[in-house]
PDB file of all heavy atoms in Angstrom:
ATOM      1  N   PHE A   1     154.287 100.067 141.204  1.00  0.00           N
ATOM      2  CA  PHE A   1     153.939 101.276 141.954  1.00  0.00           C
ATOM      3  C   PHE A   1     153.304 100.912 143.295  1.00  0.00           C
ATOM      4  O   PHE A   1     153.568 101.555 144.315  1.00  0.00           O
ATOM      5  CB  PHE A   1     152.985 102.155 141.132  1.00  0.00           C
ATOM      6  CG  PHE A   1     153.605 102.716 139.886  1.00  0.00           C
ATOM      7  CD1 PHE A   1     153.308 102.191 138.633  1.00  0.00           C
ATOM      8  CD2 PHE A   1     154.502 103.772 139.956  1.00  0.00           C
ATOM      9  CE1 PHE A   1     153.889 102.698 137.476  1.00  0.00           C
ATOM     10  CE2 PHE A   1     155.085 104.299 138.807  1.00  0.00           C
ATOM     11  CZ  PHE A   1     154.779 103.757 137.570  1.00  0.00           C
ATOM     12  N   ILE A   2     152.454  99.861 143.291  1.00  0.00           N
ATOM     13  CA  ILE A   2     151.799  99.417 144.527  1.00  0.00           C
ATOM     14  C   ILE A   2     152.853  98.959 145.532  1.00  0.00           C
ATOM     15  O   ILE A   2     152.810  99.313 146.716  1.00  0.00           O
ATOM     16  CB  ILE A   2     150.783  98.287 144.229  1.00  0.00           C
ATOM     17  CG1 ILE A   2     149.637  98.826 143.366  1.00  0.00           C
ATOM     18  CG2 ILE A   2     150.252  97.675 145.520  1.00  0.00           C
ATOM     19  CD1 ILE A   2     148.725  97.747 142.791  1.00  0.00           C
ATOM     20  N   ARG A   3     153.821  98.160 145.046  1.00  0.00           N
ATOM     21  CA  ARG A   3     154.881  97.657 145.913  1.00  0.00           C
ATOM     22  C   ARG A   3     155.752  98.809 146.440  1.00  0.00           C
ATOM     23  O   ARG A   3     156.112  98.849 147.617  1.00  0.00           O
ATOM     24  CB  ARG A   3     155.753  96.663 145.132  1.00  0.00           C
ATOM     25  CG  ARG A   3     156.745  95.899 146.008  1.00  0.00           C
ATOM     26  CD  ARG A   3     157.706  95.098 145.166  1.00  0.00           C
ATOM     27  NE  ARG A   3     157.019  94.177 144.263  1.00  0.00           N
ATOM     28  CZ  ARG A   3     157.605  93.612 143.211  1.00  0.00           C
ATOM     29  NH1 ARG A   3     158.845  93.911 142.907  1.00  0.00           N
ATOM     30  NH2 ARG A   3     156.943  92.788 142.445  1.00  0.00           N
ATOM     31  N   ASP A   4     156.079  99.762 145.571  1.00  0.00           N
ATOM     32  CA  ASP A   4     156.909 100.910 145.950  1.00  0.00           C
ATOM     33  C   ASP A   4     156.213 101.750 147.025  1.00  0.00           C
ATOM     34  O   ASP A   4     156.833 102.168 148.002  1.00  0.00           O
ATOM     35  CB  ASP A   4     157.196 101.771 144.712  1.00  0.00           C
ATOM     36  CG  ASP A   4     158.532 102.476 144.803  1.00  0.00           C
ATOM     37  OD1 ASP A   4     159.434 101.964 145.485  1.00  0.00           O
ATOM     38  OD2 ASP A   4     158.673 103.552 144.197  1.00  0.00           O
ATOM     39  N   LEU A   5     154.919 101.986 146.838  1.00  0.00           N
ATOM     40  CA  LEU A   5     154.141 102.773 147.804  1.00  0.00           C
ATOM     41  C   LEU A   5     154.115 102.075 149.166  1.00  0.00           C
ATOM     42  O   LEU A   5     154.248 102.709 150.218  1.00  0.00           O
ATOM     43  CB  LEU A   5     152.712 102.978 147.287  1.00  0.00           C
ATOM     44  CG  LEU A   5     151.760 103.758 148.207  1.00  0.00           C
ATOM     45  CD1 LEU A   5     152.287 105.156 148.485  1.00  0.00           C
ATOM     46  CD2 LEU A   5     150.359 103.832 147.616  1.00  0.00           C
ATOM     47  N   SER A   6     153.965 100.747 149.148  1.00  0.00           N
ATOM     48  CA  SER A   6     153.938  99.972 150.389  1.00  0.00           C
ATOM     49  C   SER A   6     155.251 100.127 151.172  1.00  0.00           C
ATOM     50  O   SER A   6     155.243 100.332 152.390  1.00  0.00           O
ATOM     51  CB  SER A   6     153.688  98.499 150.062  1.00  0.00           C
ATOM     52  OG  SER A   6     153.783  97.716 151.211  1.00  0.00           O
ATOM     53  N   LEU A   7     156.385 100.055 150.459  1.00  0.00           N
ATOM     54  CA  LEU A   7     157.704 100.217 151.093  1.00  0.00           C
ATOM     55  C   LEU A   7     157.870 101.624 151.676  1.00  0.00           C
ATOM     56  O   LEU A   7     158.402 101.800 152.773  1.00  0.00           O
ATOM     57  CB  LEU A   7     158.820  99.941 150.074  1.00  0.00           C
ATOM     58  CG  LEU A   7     158.970  98.496 149.588  1.00  0.00           C
ATOM     59  CD1 LEU A   7     159.939  98.417 148.418  1.00  0.00           C
ATOM     60  CD2 LEU A   7     159.472  97.593 150.719  1.00  0.00           C
ATOM     61  N   LEU A   8     157.406 102.646 150.939  1.00  0.00           N
ATOM     62  CA  LEU A   8     157.538 104.036 151.393  1.00  0.00           C
ATOM     63  C   LEU A   8     156.668 104.302 152.625  1.00  0.00           C
ATOM     64  O   LEU A   8     157.094 104.994 153.554  1.00  0.00           O
ATOM     65  CB  LEU A   8     157.163 105.001 150.261  1.00  0.00           C
ATOM     66  CG  LEU A   8     158.152 105.079 149.098  1.00  0.00           C
ATOM     67  CD1 LEU A   8     157.555 105.871 147.940  1.00  0.00           C
ATOM     68  CD2 LEU A   8     159.458 105.717 149.532  1.00  0.00           C
ATOM     69  N   LEU A   9     155.458 103.736 152.651  1.00  0.00           N
ATOM     70  CA  LEU A   9     154.580 103.921 153.811  1.00  0.00           C
ATOM     71  C   LEU A   9     155.146 103.246 155.049  1.00  0.00           C
ATOM     72  O   LEU A   9     155.024 103.757 156.168  1.00  0.00           O
ATOM     73  CB  LEU A   9     153.175 103.381 153.504  1.00  0.00           C
ATOM     74  CG  LEU A   9     152.354 104.189 152.484  1.00  0.00           C
ATOM     75  CD1 LEU A   9     151.073 103.452 152.114  1.00  0.00           C
ATOM     76  CD2 LEU A   9     152.021 105.581 153.031  1.00  0.00           C
ATOM     77  N   GLU A  10     155.815 102.105 154.842  1.00  0.00           N
ATOM     78  CA  GLU A  10     156.471 101.419 155.960  1.00  0.00           C
ATOM     79  C   GLU A  10     157.616 102.276 156.503  1.00  0.00           C
ATOM     80  O   GLU A  10     157.804 102.392 157.724  1.00  0.00           O
ATOM     81  CB  GLU A  10     156.989 100.053 155.478  1.00  0.00           C
ATOM     82  CG  GLU A  10     157.672  99.217 156.546  1.00  0.00           C
ATOM     83  CD  GLU A  10     156.770  98.917 157.731  1.00  0.00           C
ATOM     84  OE1 GLU A  10     155.545  98.771 157.548  1.00  0.00           O
ATOM     85  OE2 GLU A  10     157.312  98.852 158.853  1.00  0.00           O
ATOM     86  N   GLN A  11     158.380 102.895 155.592  1.00  0.00           N
ATOM     87  CA  GLN A  11     159.449 103.824 156.001  1.00  0.00           C
ATOM     88  C   GLN A  11     158.881 104.963 156.836  1.00  0.00           C
ATOM     89  O   GLN A  11     159.446 105.324 157.870  1.00  0.00           O
ATOM     90  CB  GLN A  11     160.123 104.423 154.756  1.00  0.00           C
ATOM     91  CG  GLN A  11     161.300 103.634 154.256  1.00  0.00           C
ATOM     92  CD  GLN A  11     161.963 104.345 153.067  1.00  0.00           C
ATOM     93  OE1 GLN A  11     161.676 105.509 152.772  1.00  0.00           O
ATOM     94  NE2 GLN A  11     162.831 103.638 152.373  1.00  0.00           N
ATOM     95  N   TRP A  12     157.767 105.522 156.386  1.00  0.00           N
ATOM     96  CA  TRP A  12     157.165 106.662 157.086  1.00  0.00           C
ATOM     97  C   TRP A  12     156.666 106.268 158.477  1.00  0.00           C
ATOM     98  O   TRP A  12     156.785 107.022 159.432  1.00  0.00           O
ATOM     99  CB  TRP A  12     156.034 107.259 156.249  1.00  0.00           C
ATOM    100  CG  TRP A  12     155.362 108.413 156.936  1.00  0.00           C
ATOM    101  CD1 TRP A  12     154.072 108.497 157.354  1.00  0.00           C
ATOM    102  CD2 TRP A  12     155.980 109.656 157.317  1.00  0.00           C
ATOM    103  NE1 TRP A  12     153.832 109.700 157.969  1.00  0.00           N
ATOM    104  CE2 TRP A  12     154.992 110.436 157.965  1.00  0.00           C
ATOM    105  CE3 TRP A  12     157.263 110.171 157.174  1.00  0.00           C
ATOM    106  CZ2 TRP A  12     155.243 111.702 158.459  1.00  0.00           C
ATOM    107  CZ3 TRP A  12     157.526 111.446 157.675  1.00  0.00           C
ATOM    108  CH2 TRP A  12     156.527 112.196 158.305  1.00  0.00           C
ATOM    109  N   ARG A  13     156.129 105.038 158.597  1.00  0.00           N
ATOM    110  CA  ARG A  13     155.666 104.564 159.910  1.00  0.00           C
ATOM    111  C   ARG A  13     156.826 104.491 160.903  1.00  0.00           C
ATOM    112  O   ARG A  13     156.693 104.845 162.069  1.00  0.00           O
ATOM    113  CB  ARG A  13     154.992 103.196 159.768  1.00  0.00           C
ATOM    114  CG  ARG A  13     153.536 103.284 159.349  1.00  0.00           C
ATOM    115  CD  ARG A  13     152.831 101.945 159.515  1.00  0.00           C
ATOM    116  NE  ARG A  13     153.181 101.014 158.447  1.00  0.00           N
ATOM    117  CZ  ARG A  13     152.536 100.956 157.281  1.00  0.00           C
ATOM    118  NH1 ARG A  13     151.532 101.768 157.034  1.00  0.00           N
ATOM    119  NH2 ARG A  13     152.915 100.090 156.370  1.00  0.00           N
ATOM    120  N   LYS A  14     157.988 104.026 160.419  1.00  0.00           N
ATOM    121  CA  LYS A  14     159.184 103.942 161.282  1.00  0.00           C
ATOM    122  C   LYS A  14     159.645 105.340 161.713  1.00  0.00           C
ATOM    123  O   LYS A  14     160.093 105.547 162.836  1.00  0.00           O
ATOM    124  CB  LYS A  14     160.320 103.224 160.539  1.00  0.00           C
ATOM    125  CG  LYS A  14     160.077 101.738 160.378  1.00  0.00           C
ATOM    126  CD  LYS A  14     161.193 101.078 159.576  1.00  0.00           C
ATOM    127  CE  LYS A  14     160.925  99.595 159.357  1.00  0.00           C
ATOM    128  NZ  LYS A  14     161.959  98.972 158.478  1.00  0.00           N
ATOM    129  N   ILE A  15     159.560 106.309 160.776  1.00  0.00           N
ATOM    130  CA  ILE A  15     159.950 107.696 161.095  1.00  0.00           C
ATOM    131  C   ILE A  15     159.024 108.255 162.181  1.00  0.00           C
ATOM    132  O   ILE A  15     159.484 108.856 163.162  1.00  0.00           O
ATOM    133  CB  ILE A  15     159.912 108.586 159.828  1.00  0.00           C
ATOM    134  CG1 ILE A  15     161.015 108.178 158.858  1.00  0.00           C
ATOM    135  CG2 ILE A  15     160.053 110.070 160.199  1.00  0.00           C
ATOM    136  CD1 ILE A  15     160.907 108.802 157.478  1.00  0.00           C
ATOM    137  N   GLU A  16     157.718 108.048 162.034  1.00  0.00           N
ATOM    138  CA  GLU A  16     156.749 108.547 163.021  1.00  0.00           C
ATOM    139  C   GLU A  16     157.009 107.943 164.395  1.00  0.00           C
ATOM    140  O   GLU A  16     156.925 108.626 165.425  1.00  0.00           O
ATOM    141  CB  GLU A  16     155.323 108.221 162.565  1.00  0.00           C
ATOM    142  CG  GLU A  16     154.830 109.101 161.421  1.00  0.00           C
ATOM    143  CD  GLU A  16     153.386 108.823 161.062  1.00  0.00           C
ATOM    144  OE1 GLU A  16     153.048 107.635 160.872  1.00  0.00           O
ATOM    145  OE2 GLU A  16     152.606 109.787 160.972  1.00  0.00           O
ATOM    146  N   GLU A  17     157.368 106.666 164.419  1.00  0.00           N
ATOM    147  CA  GLU A  17     157.656 105.989 165.681  1.00  0.00           C
ATOM    148  C   GLU A  17     158.894 106.589 166.348  1.00  0.00           C
ATOM    149  O   GLU A  17     158.919 106.829 167.559  1.00  0.00           O
ATOM    150  CB  GLU A  17     157.874 104.485 165.408  1.00  0.00           C
ATOM    151  CG  GLU A  17     157.987 103.618 166.642  1.00  0.00           C
ATOM    152  CD  GLU A  17     156.731 103.634 167.490  1.00  0.00           C
ATOM    153  OE1 GLU A  17     155.613 103.730 166.929  1.00  0.00           O
ATOM    154  OE2 GLU A  17     156.874 103.576 168.721  1.00  0.00           O
ATOM    155  N   ALA A  18     159.935 106.862 165.516  1.00  0.00           N
ATOM    156  CA  ALA A  18     161.184 107.446 166.044  1.00  0.00           C
ATOM    157  C   ALA A  18     160.946 108.845 166.587  1.00  0.00           C
ATOM    158  O   ALA A  18     161.519 109.241 167.608  1.00  0.00           O
ATOM    159  CB  ALA A  18     162.238 107.471 164.945  1.00  0.00           C
ATOM    160  N   VAL A  19     160.082 109.631 165.913  1.00  0.00           N
ATOM    161  CA  VAL A  19     159.780 111.003 166.367  1.00  0.00           C
ATOM    162  C   VAL A  19     159.141 110.976 167.753  1.00  0.00           C
ATOM    163  O   VAL A  19     159.430 111.811 168.615  1.00  0.00           O
ATOM    164  CB  VAL A  19     158.839 111.710 165.354  1.00  0.00           C
ATOM    165  CG1 VAL A  19     158.311 113.012 165.931  1.00  0.00           C
ATOM    166  CG2 VAL A  19     159.577 111.987 164.047  1.00  0.00           C
ATOM    167  N   LYS A  20     158.276 109.986 167.990  1.00  0.00           N
ATOM    168  CA  LYS A  20     157.568 109.898 169.273  1.00  0.00           C
ATOM    169  C   LYS A  20     158.474 109.433 170.409  1.00  0.00           C
ATOM    170  O   LYS A  20     158.271 109.807 171.557  1.00  0.00           O
ATOM    171  CB  LYS A  20     156.385 108.932 169.148  1.00  0.00           C
ATOM    172  CG  LYS A  20     155.260 109.455 168.267  1.00  0.00           C
ATOM    173  CD  LYS A  20     154.218 108.363 168.048  1.00  0.00           C
ATOM    174  CE  LYS A  20     153.176 108.803 167.019  1.00  0.00           C
ATOM    175  NZ  LYS A  20     152.275 107.696 166.653  1.00  0.00           N
ATOM    176  N   THR A  21     159.466 108.608 170.089  1.00  0.00           N
ATOM    177  CA  THR A  21     160.239 107.951 171.156  1.00  0.00           C
ATOM    178  C   THR A  21     161.613 108.551 171.422  1.00  0.00           C
ATOM    179  O   THR A  21     162.161 108.358 172.497  1.00  0.00           O
ATOM    180  CB  THR A  21     160.428 106.457 170.816  1.00  0.00           C
ATOM    181  OG1 THR A  21     161.045 106.339 169.516  1.00  0.00           O
ATOM    182  CG2 THR A  21     159.090 105.737 170.798  1.00  0.00           C
ATOM    183  N   ARG A  22     162.176 109.299 170.460  1.00  0.00           N
ATOM    184  CA  ARG A  22     163.558 109.787 170.644  1.00  0.00           C
ATOM    185  C   ARG A  22     163.587 111.291 170.908  1.00  0.00           C
ATOM    186  O   ARG A  22     162.819 112.044 170.313  1.00  0.00           O
ATOM    187  CB  ARG A  22     164.395 109.450 169.404  1.00  0.00           C
ATOM    188  CG  ARG A  22     164.582 107.937 169.256  1.00  0.00           C
ATOM    189  CD  ARG A  22     165.101 107.548 167.893  1.00  0.00           C
ATOM    190  NE  ARG A  22     166.417 108.069 167.631  1.00  0.00           N
ATOM    191  CZ  ARG A  22     167.074 107.889 166.495  1.00  0.00           C
ATOM    192  NH1 ARG A  22     166.507 107.213 165.509  1.00  0.00           N
ATOM    193  NH2 ARG A  22     168.277 108.395 166.317  1.00  0.00           N
ATOM    194  N   PRO A  23     164.501 111.748 171.823  1.00  0.00           N
ATOM    195  CA  PRO A  23     164.574 113.185 172.142  1.00  0.00           C
ATOM    196  C   PRO A  23     165.249 113.971 171.023  1.00  0.00           C
ATOM    197  O   PRO A  23     166.173 113.485 170.376  1.00  0.00           O
ATOM    198  CB  PRO A  23     165.424 113.219 173.418  1.00  0.00           C
ATOM    199  CG  PRO A  23     166.263 111.981 173.345  1.00  0.00           C
ATOM    200  CD  PRO A  23     165.456 110.954 172.613  1.00  0.00           C
ATOM    201  N   ALA A  24     164.791 115.226 170.809  1.00  0.00           N
ATOM    202  CA  ALA A  24     165.387 116.086 169.761  1.00  0.00           C
ATOM    203  C   ALA A  24     166.606 116.807 170.337  1.00  0.00           C
ATOM    204  O   ALA A  24     166.690 117.038 171.534  1.00  0.00           O
ATOM    205  CB  ALA A  24     164.347 117.099 169.307  1.00  0.00           C
ATOM    206  N   PRO A  25     167.602 117.212 169.495  1.00  0.00           N
ATOM    207  CA  PRO A  25     167.669 116.918 168.060  1.00  0.00           C
ATOM    208  C   PRO A  25     168.213 115.512 167.809  1.00  0.00           C
ATOM    209  O   PRO A  25     169.153 115.084 168.474  1.00  0.00           O
ATOM    210  CB  PRO A  25     168.646 117.981 167.542  1.00  0.00           C
ATOM    211  CG  PRO A  25     169.557 118.249 168.694  1.00  0.00           C
ATOM    212  CD  PRO A  25     168.733 118.065 169.937  1.00  0.00           C
ATOM    213  N   CYS A  26     167.637 114.819 166.853  1.00  0.00           N
ATOM    214  CA  CYS A  26     168.135 113.488 166.508  1.00  0.00           C
ATOM    215  C   CYS A  26     167.781 113.191 165.055  1.00  0.00           C
ATOM    216  O   CYS A  26     166.884 113.807 164.483  1.00  0.00           O
ATOM    217  CB  CYS A  26     167.541 112.430 167.429  1.00  0.00           C
ATOM    218  SG  CYS A  26     165.770 112.195 167.194  1.00  0.00           S
ATOM    219  N   CYS A  27     168.508 112.239 164.478  1.00  0.00           N
ATOM    220  CA  CYS A  27     168.261 111.831 163.094  1.00  0.00           C
ATOM    221  C   CYS A  27     167.284 110.657 163.123  1.00  0.00           C
ATOM    222  O   CYS A  27     167.585 109.612 163.695  1.00  0.00           O
ATOM    223  CB  CYS A  27     169.577 111.427 162.424  1.00  0.00           C
ATOM    224  SG  CYS A  27     169.372 110.835 160.749  1.00  0.00           S
ATOM    225  N   VAL A  28     166.101 110.855 162.525  1.00  0.00           N
ATOM    226  CA  VAL A  28     165.088 109.789 162.534  1.00  0.00           C
ATOM    227  C   VAL A  28     165.065 109.008 161.221  1.00  0.00           C
ATOM    228  O   VAL A  28     164.429 107.963 161.128  1.00  0.00           O
ATOM    229  CB  VAL A  28     163.680 110.361 162.832  1.00  0.00           C
ATOM    230  CG1 VAL A  28     163.602 110.878 164.249  1.00  0.00           C
ATOM    231  CG2 VAL A  28     163.285 111.443 161.835  1.00  0.00           C
ATOM    232  N   PHE A  29     165.744 109.529 160.191  1.00  0.00           N
ATOM    233  CA  PHE A  29     165.808 108.807 158.913  1.00  0.00           C
ATOM    234  C   PHE A  29     166.992 109.319 158.108  1.00  0.00           C
ATOM    235  O   PHE A  29     167.267 110.518 158.082  1.00  0.00           O
ATOM    236  CB  PHE A  29     164.520 109.019 158.107  1.00  0.00           C
ATOM    237  CG  PHE A  29     164.553 108.363 156.741  1.00  0.00           C
ATOM    238  CD1 PHE A  29     164.394 106.995 156.610  1.00  0.00           C
ATOM    239  CD2 PHE A  29     164.765 109.115 155.594  1.00  0.00           C
ATOM    240  CE1 PHE A  29     164.440 106.387 155.354  1.00  0.00           C
ATOM    241  CE2 PHE A  29     164.807 108.517 154.339  1.00  0.00           C
ATOM    242  CZ  PHE A  29     164.646 107.144 154.231  1.00  0.00           C
ATOM    243  N   GLU A  30     167.721 108.397 157.485  1.00  0.00           N
ATOM    244  CA  GLU A  30     168.844 108.772 156.621  1.00  0.00           C
ATOM    245  C   GLU A  30     168.608 108.218 155.229  1.00  0.00           C
ATOM    246  O   GLU A  30     168.016 107.151 155.077  1.00  0.00           O
ATOM    247  CB  GLU A  30     170.150 108.195 157.178  1.00  0.00           C
ATOM    248  CG  GLU A  30     170.890 109.147 158.083  1.00  0.00           C
ATOM    249  CD  GLU A  30     172.282 108.599 158.429  1.00  0.00           C
ATOM    250  OE1 GLU A  30     172.355 107.565 159.099  1.00  0.00           O
ATOM    251  OE2 GLU A  30     173.274 109.222 158.026  1.00  0.00           O
TER     252      GLU A  30
END
């Protein structure tokens, strides 16, 4: 569970970064 949570939080950090840098509408995670 600890390892799974770590991977998911890393995914979320990448999504937040994409939201800040890319113009809408765009796909930030698939």
